[in-house]
N, C-alpha and C. Protein backbone atom coordinates (compact mmCIF):
# COMPACT_ATOMS: atom_id res chain seq x y z
N MET A 1 5.44 10.22 28.09
CA MET A 1 5.52 8.66 28.68
C MET A 1 6.32 8.33 27.67
N LEU A 2 7.81 7.23 27.84
CA LEU A 2 8.40 6.54 26.82
C LEU A 2 8.19 5.00 26.83
N ALA A 3 8.82 4.09 25.44
CA ALA A 3 8.93 3.07 25.69
C ALA A 3 10.54 2.49 25.58
N TYR A 4 10.78 1.55 26.09
CA TYR A 4 11.84 1.01 25.79
C TYR A 4 11.56 -0.10 25.03
N VAL A 5 11.90 0.08 23.69
CA VAL A 5 10.92 -1.44 22.88
C VAL A 5 12.85 -2.23 22.41
N PHE A 6 12.78 -3.79 22.67
CA PHE A 6 13.92 -4.18 22.79
C PHE A 6 13.42 -5.70 21.60
N TRP A 7 14.06 -5.89 20.69
CA TRP A 7 13.67 -6.94 20.15
C TRP A 7 15.27 -8.45 20.02
N HIS A 8 14.66 -9.14 20.30
CA HIS A 8 15.91 -9.81 20.60
C HIS A 8 15.48 -11.69 19.97
N ARG A 9 16.32 -12.31 20.08
CA ARG A 9 15.90 -13.74 19.63
C ARG A 9 16.72 -14.57 20.47
N PRO A 10 16.77 -15.77 20.54
CA PRO A 10 17.05 -16.95 21.54
C PRO A 10 17.90 -17.56 20.80
N ALA A 11 19.19 -18.04 21.38
CA ALA A 11 20.38 -18.68 20.84
C ALA A 11 20.47 -19.98 20.48
N PRO A 12 20.60 -20.63 19.50
CA PRO A 12 19.84 -21.75 19.07
C PRO A 12 20.21 -22.69 20.43
N GLY A 13 19.50 -23.67 20.74
CA GLY A 13 19.61 -24.56 22.11
C GLY A 13 19.08 -23.79 23.10
N ALA A 14 18.64 -22.54 23.15
CA ALA A 14 18.26 -22.03 24.48
C ALA A 14 17.15 -22.44 24.95
N HIS A 15 17.08 -23.05 26.43
CA HIS A 15 16.20 -23.58 26.95
C HIS A 15 15.49 -23.10 28.01
N ASP A 16 13.88 -22.92 27.95
CA ASP A 16 13.15 -22.20 29.00
C ASP A 16 13.49 -20.71 28.79
N TYR A 17 13.44 -20.20 27.43
CA TYR A 17 13.62 -18.54 26.75
C TYR A 17 12.46 -17.87 27.38
N GLU A 18 11.37 -18.61 27.10
CA GLU A 18 10.02 -17.67 27.32
C GLU A 18 9.94 -17.60 29.08
N GLN A 19 10.17 -18.97 29.88
CA GLN A 19 10.32 -18.79 31.24
C GLN A 19 11.19 -18.01 32.16
N ARG A 20 12.42 -18.09 30.92
CA ARG A 20 13.15 -16.56 31.59
C ARG A 20 13.06 -15.25 31.28
N LEU A 21 12.25 -15.14 30.00
CA LEU A 21 11.82 -13.75 29.77
C LEU A 21 10.51 -13.35 30.89
N THR A 22 9.82 -14.31 30.79
CA THR A 22 8.23 -13.76 31.60
C THR A 22 9.39 -13.53 33.18
N ALA A 23 10.20 -14.11 33.67
CA ALA A 23 10.72 -14.11 35.10
C ALA A 23 10.89 -12.60 35.39
N PHE A 24 11.84 -12.28 33.96
CA PHE A 24 12.44 -11.01 34.17
C PHE A 24 11.29 -10.12 34.29
N HIS A 25 10.64 -10.12 33.22
CA HIS A 25 9.54 -9.06 33.55
C HIS A 25 8.76 -9.03 34.89
N ASP A 26 8.63 -10.20 35.47
CA ASP A 26 7.57 -10.62 36.50
C ASP A 26 8.34 -9.40 37.80
N VAL A 27 9.79 -9.32 37.52
CA VAL A 27 10.66 -8.50 38.49
C VAL A 27 10.81 -7.24 38.35
N ILE A 28 11.25 -6.66 37.05
CA ILE A 28 11.37 -5.30 36.25
C ILE A 28 10.81 -4.33 36.67
N GLY A 29 9.62 -4.23 37.68
CA GLY A 29 8.88 -3.17 38.15
C GLY A 29 8.29 -1.75 37.17
N VAL A 30 8.61 -1.82 36.33
CA VAL A 30 7.27 -1.14 35.42
C VAL A 30 7.07 -1.98 34.62
N GLU A 31 5.45 -1.13 33.95
CA GLU A 31 4.68 -2.16 33.21
C GLU A 31 5.61 -2.32 31.97
N SER A 32 5.20 -3.43 31.96
CA SER A 32 6.47 -3.98 30.46
C SER A 32 5.43 -5.48 29.80
N THR A 33 5.74 -5.84 28.77
CA THR A 33 5.11 -6.96 28.05
C THR A 33 6.42 -7.70 27.22
N TRP A 34 6.06 -8.68 26.90
CA TRP A 34 6.46 -9.15 25.39
C TRP A 34 5.48 -10.15 24.76
N HIS A 35 6.08 -10.00 23.56
CA HIS A 35 5.70 -10.91 22.48
C HIS A 35 6.49 -11.78 22.07
N ARG A 36 5.83 -12.76 20.96
CA ARG A 36 6.60 -13.63 20.05
C ARG A 36 6.23 -12.21 18.57
N VAL A 37 7.08 -12.19 17.78
CA VAL A 37 7.15 -11.53 16.51
C VAL A 37 7.99 -12.68 15.15
N SER A 38 7.37 -12.07 13.98
CA SER A 38 8.09 -12.56 12.86
C SER A 38 7.68 -11.68 11.94
N GLY A 39 8.68 -12.16 11.10
CA GLY A 39 8.45 -11.40 9.69
C GLY A 39 8.93 -10.17 9.58
N LEU A 40 9.71 -9.58 10.78
CA LEU A 40 10.17 -8.07 10.84
C LEU A 40 11.37 -7.76 10.28
N PRO A 41 11.29 -6.67 8.87
CA PRO A 41 12.57 -6.60 8.57
C PRO A 41 13.95 -6.08 9.47
N TRP A 42 13.80 -5.73 10.48
CA TRP A 42 14.80 -5.63 11.40
C TRP A 42 15.36 -6.81 12.26
N MET A 43 14.56 -7.27 12.00
CA MET A 43 15.05 -8.57 12.29
C MET A 43 15.40 -9.68 11.66
N ALA A 44 15.73 -9.58 10.18
CA ALA A 44 15.87 -10.06 9.00
C ALA A 44 14.97 -11.41 8.48
N GLY A 45 13.87 -10.39 9.12
CA GLY A 45 12.57 -11.52 8.83
C GLY A 45 12.57 -13.22 9.89
N LEU A 46 12.93 -12.92 10.93
CA LEU A 46 13.47 -14.03 11.32
C LEU A 46 12.41 -14.00 12.67
N ASP A 47 12.19 -15.45 13.49
CA ASP A 47 11.18 -15.30 14.82
C ASP A 47 12.01 -14.63 15.62
N GLY A 48 11.14 -14.21 16.43
CA GLY A 48 11.89 -14.13 17.97
C GLY A 48 11.03 -13.11 18.70
N TYR A 49 11.50 -11.80 19.88
CA TYR A 49 10.78 -11.47 20.41
C TYR A 49 10.81 -9.82 20.54
N GLU A 50 9.46 -9.20 20.87
CA GLU A 50 9.47 -7.66 20.98
C GLU A 50 8.84 -7.70 22.31
N ASP A 51 10.07 -6.56 23.20
CA ASP A 51 9.73 -6.45 24.81
C ASP A 51 9.09 -5.02 24.84
N TRP A 52 8.22 -4.65 25.87
CA TRP A 52 7.77 -3.09 25.46
C TRP A 52 7.95 -2.98 27.45
N TYR A 53 8.77 -1.64 27.62
CA TYR A 53 8.98 -1.11 29.05
C TYR A 53 8.60 0.24 29.10
N LEU A 54 7.42 0.76 30.05
CA LEU A 54 7.00 1.86 29.91
C LEU A 54 7.66 2.47 30.68
N VAL A 55 7.99 4.07 30.69
CA VAL A 55 8.59 4.69 32.10
C VAL A 55 7.90 6.04 31.93
N GLU A 56 8.59 7.01 32.73
CA GLU A 56 7.58 8.22 32.83
C GLU A 56 8.33 9.03 31.45
N ASP A 57 9.46 8.96 31.98
CA ASP A 57 10.92 10.53 31.00
C ASP A 57 11.84 9.70 30.90
N TRP A 58 12.61 10.74 29.99
CA TRP A 58 14.35 10.08 29.90
C TRP A 58 15.19 9.78 31.27
N ALA A 59 14.71 10.12 32.72
CA ALA A 59 15.43 10.11 33.89
C ALA A 59 14.69 8.54 34.30
N GLY A 60 13.68 8.14 33.49
CA GLY A 60 13.12 6.63 34.23
C GLY A 60 13.72 5.78 33.31
N LEU A 61 13.99 6.50 31.70
CA LEU A 61 14.79 5.26 30.83
C LEU A 61 16.39 5.23 31.92
N GLY A 62 16.71 5.91 31.89
CA GLY A 62 18.38 5.84 33.31
C GLY A 62 18.11 5.03 34.23
N ALA A 63 16.94 5.28 34.93
CA ALA A 63 16.74 4.59 36.10
C ALA A 63 16.02 2.80 35.66
N LEU A 64 15.71 2.70 34.54
CA LEU A 64 15.34 1.52 34.02
C LEU A 64 16.30 0.49 33.84
N ASN A 65 17.54 1.22 32.95
CA ASN A 65 19.11 0.40 32.53
C ASN A 65 19.45 0.39 33.84
N GLU A 66 20.11 0.97 34.72
CA GLU A 66 20.33 0.44 35.93
C GLU A 66 19.79 -0.72 36.65
N ARG A 67 18.40 -0.29 37.03
CA ARG A 67 17.37 -1.61 37.72
C ARG A 67 17.50 -3.01 37.21
N ALA A 68 17.23 -2.90 35.94
CA ALA A 68 17.63 -4.06 34.84
C ALA A 68 18.74 -4.95 35.72
N VAL A 69 19.54 -4.47 36.09
CA VAL A 69 20.92 -5.57 36.29
C VAL A 69 21.21 -5.55 37.83
N SER A 70 20.18 -5.09 38.32
CA SER A 70 20.40 -4.56 39.78
C SER A 70 19.39 -5.93 40.77
N GLY A 71 20.26 -5.73 42.20
CA GLY A 71 19.27 -6.32 42.56
C GLY A 71 18.34 -7.57 42.95
N PRO A 72 17.16 -7.44 43.36
CA PRO A 72 16.42 -9.15 42.93
C PRO A 72 16.36 -9.18 41.28
N ARG A 73 16.21 -8.24 40.20
CA ARG A 73 16.30 -8.44 39.29
C ARG A 73 17.54 -8.72 38.11
N ARG A 74 19.03 -8.82 38.74
CA ARG A 74 20.13 -9.09 38.21
C ARG A 74 20.41 -10.75 37.93
N ALA A 75 19.68 -11.42 38.72
CA ALA A 75 19.82 -13.02 38.36
C ALA A 75 18.49 -13.10 36.88
N PRO A 76 17.21 -12.91 37.35
CA PRO A 76 16.38 -13.23 35.79
C PRO A 76 17.53 -12.20 34.69
N HIS A 77 17.40 -11.26 34.98
CA HIS A 77 18.08 -10.74 33.64
C HIS A 77 19.41 -11.62 33.18
N ASP A 78 19.99 -11.80 33.86
CA ASP A 78 20.99 -12.80 33.50
C ASP A 78 21.16 -13.86 32.91
N ALA A 79 20.24 -14.40 33.42
CA ALA A 79 19.01 -16.03 33.28
C ALA A 79 18.85 -15.66 31.72
N ALA A 80 17.97 -14.51 31.25
CA ALA A 80 17.26 -14.30 29.76
C ALA A 80 18.45 -13.84 29.16
N ALA A 81 19.31 -13.00 29.30
CA ALA A 81 20.40 -12.68 28.57
C ALA A 81 21.15 -13.71 28.05
N ALA A 82 21.43 -14.56 29.13
CA ALA A 82 22.65 -15.97 28.62
C ALA A 82 22.21 -16.29 27.25
N GLU A 83 20.94 -17.02 27.30
CA GLU A 83 20.54 -17.34 26.05
C GLU A 83 19.83 -16.74 25.03
N ALA A 84 19.93 -15.06 25.00
CA ALA A 84 19.98 -14.40 24.03
C ALA A 84 20.86 -14.35 23.03
N ALA A 85 20.68 -14.60 21.64
CA ALA A 85 21.46 -14.69 20.60
C ALA A 85 21.69 -13.22 20.04
N TRP A 86 21.13 -11.91 19.62
CA TRP A 86 21.04 -11.08 19.37
C TRP A 86 19.77 -10.02 20.31
N GLY A 87 20.35 -8.88 19.82
CA GLY A 87 19.32 -7.90 20.35
C GLY A 87 19.26 -6.65 20.00
N GLN A 88 18.13 -5.84 19.80
CA GLN A 88 18.52 -4.38 19.34
C GLN A 88 17.00 -3.54 19.63
N ALA A 89 17.36 -2.44 20.32
CA ALA A 89 16.42 -1.72 21.35
C ALA A 89 16.15 -0.25 20.39
N GLY A 90 15.03 0.26 20.50
CA GLY A 90 14.60 1.68 20.10
C GLY A 90 13.49 2.14 21.36
N VAL A 91 14.04 3.74 21.56
CA VAL A 91 13.12 4.17 22.22
C VAL A 91 11.95 5.43 21.55
N TYR A 92 10.68 5.09 22.22
CA TYR A 92 9.20 5.41 21.48
C TYR A 92 8.55 6.35 22.75
N ALA A 93 7.94 7.68 22.07
CA ALA A 93 7.48 8.46 22.68
C ALA A 93 6.16 8.24 22.89
N LEU A 94 5.06 8.23 23.52
CA LEU A 94 3.65 8.78 23.15
C LEU A 94 2.98 9.56 22.87
N LYS A 95 2.60 9.73 21.10
CA LYS A 95 1.94 11.05 20.86
C LYS A 95 0.55 11.14 20.53
N ARG A 96 -0.21 9.98 21.20
CA ARG A 96 -1.29 10.15 21.47
C ARG A 96 -2.47 8.67 21.84
N GLY A 97 -3.32 8.54 22.68
CA GLY A 97 -4.16 7.59 23.17
C GLY A 97 -3.22 7.14 23.98
N ARG A 98 -3.41 5.93 24.92
CA ARG A 98 -2.77 5.13 26.53
C ARG A 98 -1.80 4.29 26.23
N ALA A 99 -1.38 4.76 27.36
CA ALA A 99 0.31 4.15 27.49
C ALA A 99 -0.49 2.96 28.48
N ASP A 100 -0.74 1.92 27.83
CA ASP A 100 -1.55 0.85 28.02
C ASP A 100 -1.42 -0.41 27.57
N LEU A 101 -0.29 -1.28 27.94
CA LEU A 101 0.04 -2.08 27.18
C LEU A 101 -1.12 -3.27 27.41
N HIS A 102 -1.63 -3.36 28.15
CA HIS A 102 -2.72 -4.89 28.27
C HIS A 102 -4.01 -4.77 27.11
N GLY A 103 -4.07 -6.25 26.57
CA GLY A 103 -4.94 -6.03 25.45
C GLY A 103 -4.23 -6.12 24.24
N ILE A 104 -3.19 -5.75 24.04
CA ILE A 104 -2.31 -4.99 22.49
C ILE A 104 -2.28 -6.34 22.00
N SER A 105 -2.53 -6.42 20.89
CA SER A 105 -2.24 -7.88 20.04
C SER A 105 -2.14 -7.31 18.73
N HIS A 106 -2.00 -6.17 17.93
CA HIS A 106 -1.41 -5.75 16.73
C HIS A 106 -0.67 -4.45 17.02
N ALA A 107 0.31 -4.62 16.03
CA ALA A 107 1.26 -3.33 15.56
C ALA A 107 1.72 -3.19 14.60
N ALA A 108 1.53 -1.61 14.01
CA ALA A 108 1.44 -1.25 12.23
C ALA A 108 2.58 0.01 12.40
N TRP A 109 3.50 -0.62 11.56
CA TRP A 109 4.96 0.20 11.89
C TRP A 109 4.45 1.30 10.52
N ARG A 110 5.00 2.49 10.61
CA ARG A 110 4.76 3.66 9.75
C ARG A 110 5.53 4.58 9.48
N ALA A 111 5.94 5.02 8.34
CA ALA A 111 6.74 5.94 8.22
C ALA A 111 6.14 7.04 7.40
N LYS A 112 6.88 8.83 8.03
CA LYS A 112 6.05 9.66 7.95
C LYS A 112 6.31 10.39 6.32
N PRO A 113 5.01 10.15 5.36
CA PRO A 113 5.22 10.84 3.67
C PRO A 113 6.29 11.45 3.42
N ALA A 114 6.90 12.50 2.99
CA ALA A 114 7.90 13.58 2.82
C ALA A 114 6.56 14.77 2.22
N GLY A 115 6.96 15.67 2.72
CA GLY A 115 6.00 16.80 2.39
C GLY A 115 4.64 16.87 3.06
N LEU A 116 4.36 15.84 4.16
CA LEU A 116 3.34 16.13 5.32
C LEU A 116 3.83 16.40 6.31
N THR A 117 2.96 17.30 7.08
CA THR A 117 3.51 17.76 8.28
C THR A 117 3.80 16.83 9.40
N TYR A 118 4.31 16.64 10.37
CA TYR A 118 4.24 15.64 11.81
C TYR A 118 2.42 15.62 12.19
N ASP A 119 1.79 17.01 12.22
CA ASP A 119 0.47 17.09 12.78
C ASP A 119 -0.35 16.62 11.70
N ALA A 120 -0.38 16.71 10.25
CA ALA A 120 -1.26 16.39 9.57
C ALA A 120 -0.90 14.89 9.57
N PHE A 121 0.37 14.26 9.63
CA PHE A 121 0.34 12.85 9.56
C PHE A 121 0.04 12.21 10.84
N GLU A 122 0.10 12.73 11.91
CA GLU A 122 0.18 11.85 13.51
C GLU A 122 -1.83 12.13 13.54
N ALA A 123 -2.37 13.30 12.76
CA ALA A 123 -3.69 13.49 12.83
C ALA A 123 -4.30 12.13 11.93
N ARG A 124 -4.06 11.70 11.09
CA ARG A 124 -4.69 10.06 10.47
C ARG A 124 -4.37 8.99 10.82
N LEU A 125 -3.56 8.51 11.83
CA LEU A 125 -3.25 7.45 12.34
C LEU A 125 -4.33 6.94 13.06
N PRO A 126 -4.28 5.48 12.87
CA PRO A 126 -5.14 4.67 13.66
C PRO A 126 -4.84 4.17 14.78
N GLY A 127 -5.42 3.65 15.66
CA GLY A 127 -4.95 2.86 16.73
C GLY A 127 -5.32 3.14 18.02
N ARG A 128 -5.08 2.41 19.08
CA ARG A 128 -5.44 2.87 20.40
C ARG A 128 -4.14 3.49 21.03
N SER A 129 -3.15 3.53 20.47
CA SER A 129 -2.01 4.01 21.10
C SER A 129 -1.02 4.52 19.65
N VAL A 130 -0.63 5.44 19.37
CA VAL A 130 0.77 6.19 18.86
C VAL A 130 1.94 6.44 19.08
N TRP A 131 2.88 5.97 19.03
CA TRP A 131 4.30 6.08 19.30
C TRP A 131 5.55 6.52 18.24
N GLN A 132 5.76 7.60 18.64
CA GLN A 132 7.19 7.92 17.68
C GLN A 132 8.61 7.48 18.15
N ARG A 133 9.39 6.88 17.40
CA ARG A 133 10.70 6.85 17.74
C ARG A 133 11.12 7.88 17.98
N GLN A 134 12.28 8.55 18.94
CA GLN A 134 12.97 9.00 19.22
C GLN A 134 14.22 8.86 18.76
N MET A 135 14.95 10.28 18.86
CA MET A 135 16.55 10.71 18.59
C MET A 135 16.83 9.63 17.65
N THR A 136 16.10 9.07 16.92
CA THR A 136 16.41 7.91 15.36
C THR A 136 16.99 6.67 16.25
N LEU A 137 16.83 5.95 17.54
CA LEU A 137 17.06 5.20 18.22
C LEU A 137 16.57 3.70 17.79
N GLY A 138 16.81 3.33 17.13
CA GLY A 138 16.29 1.73 17.10
C GLY A 138 16.11 1.83 15.21
N PRO A 139 16.06 0.52 14.95
CA PRO A 139 15.76 0.23 13.60
C PRO A 139 14.05 -0.11 12.44
N THR A 140 13.40 0.84 13.23
CA THR A 140 12.03 0.47 12.76
C THR A 140 12.06 1.81 11.61
N PRO A 141 10.96 2.02 11.49
CA PRO A 141 10.07 2.93 10.98
C PRO A 141 9.99 3.73 12.07
N GLU A 142 9.51 5.28 11.41
CA GLU A 142 9.38 6.26 12.92
C GLU A 142 7.83 6.03 13.68
N TYR A 143 6.97 5.39 13.46
CA TYR A 143 6.07 5.42 14.09
C TYR A 143 5.38 4.15 14.08
N VAL A 144 4.75 3.39 15.22
CA VAL A 144 4.09 2.23 15.59
C VAL A 144 3.14 2.57 16.31
N LEU A 145 1.65 2.11 15.72
CA LEU A 145 0.62 2.16 15.97
C LEU A 145 -0.31 0.67 16.85
N LEU A 146 -0.13 0.82 17.86
CA LEU A 146 -0.64 -0.18 18.62
C LEU A 146 -2.43 -0.39 18.56
N ASP A 147 -2.73 -1.21 18.85
CA ASP A 147 -4.24 -2.10 18.99
C ASP A 147 -4.55 -3.32 19.48
N ASN A 148 -5.95 -3.61 19.82
CA ASN A 148 -6.17 -5.03 20.01
C ASN A 148 -6.88 -5.71 19.00
N ARG A 149 -6.46 -4.88 17.35
CA ARG A 149 -7.23 -5.88 16.44
C ARG A 149 -6.40 -5.22 15.46
N PRO A 150 -6.69 -5.49 14.18
CA PRO A 150 -5.65 -5.50 12.91
C PRO A 150 -6.28 -3.82 12.61
N LEU A 151 -5.32 -3.44 12.04
CA LEU A 151 -6.08 -2.01 11.50
C LEU A 151 -6.55 -1.87 10.05
N GLU A 152 -7.06 -1.25 10.20
CA GLU A 152 -8.05 -1.14 8.64
C GLU A 152 -6.81 -0.98 7.52
N GLY A 153 -6.55 -1.88 6.81
CA GLY A 153 -5.85 -1.49 5.90
C GLY A 153 -4.24 -1.37 5.61
N ASP A 154 -3.89 -1.81 7.13
CA ASP A 154 -2.85 -2.64 7.56
C ASP A 154 -2.37 -3.57 8.82
N PRO A 155 -3.27 -5.03 8.28
CA PRO A 155 -2.82 -5.52 9.28
C PRO A 155 -1.78 -5.74 10.70
N GLY A 156 -0.43 -5.18 9.76
CA GLY A 156 0.94 -5.05 10.55
C GLY A 156 1.12 -6.43 11.07
N VAL A 157 2.00 -6.11 12.22
CA VAL A 157 2.26 -7.42 12.76
C VAL A 157 1.42 -7.72 13.87
N GLU A 158 0.74 -9.74 14.29
CA GLU A 158 -0.01 -9.65 15.22
C GLU A 158 0.87 -10.49 15.98
N TYR A 159 0.82 -9.97 17.65
CA TYR A 159 1.59 -10.85 18.24
C TYR A 159 1.32 -12.16 18.76
N ALA A 160 2.07 -12.83 18.83
CA ALA A 160 1.75 -13.89 19.41
C ALA A 160 1.41 -14.51 20.78
């Protein structure tokens, strides 16, 4: 399971940005969600949005890329994109847990410490699901832990 995660901010003076974003998610045809976020270093600490789109594999990622701007999805995509000022994305693979975005309200971003194997590090990670950045595609630390509550010792990002 892969997740395409997209961070973005609306342009100054954007109108109905969240409604446009919701309209796009309503027609994309894959499990997806969006959250308001703030304080993320790769967004220069500014407020913005984080979208998650789930696909089965790399072929599914290519299909999502085509699908997003074609057919009945093109107009909702273009309406939201026209009001965006900035965007950056990453690709993540599910390492442990469930690929279920419903009820997720917290994310904690982590980097693997030097000298620790991936297996040992991943075994220590809490959360309902653990995702690992792929091919260094994205600005974030290598891992994100998702849950429906703050993780012990690391409140992470609370989704609005």
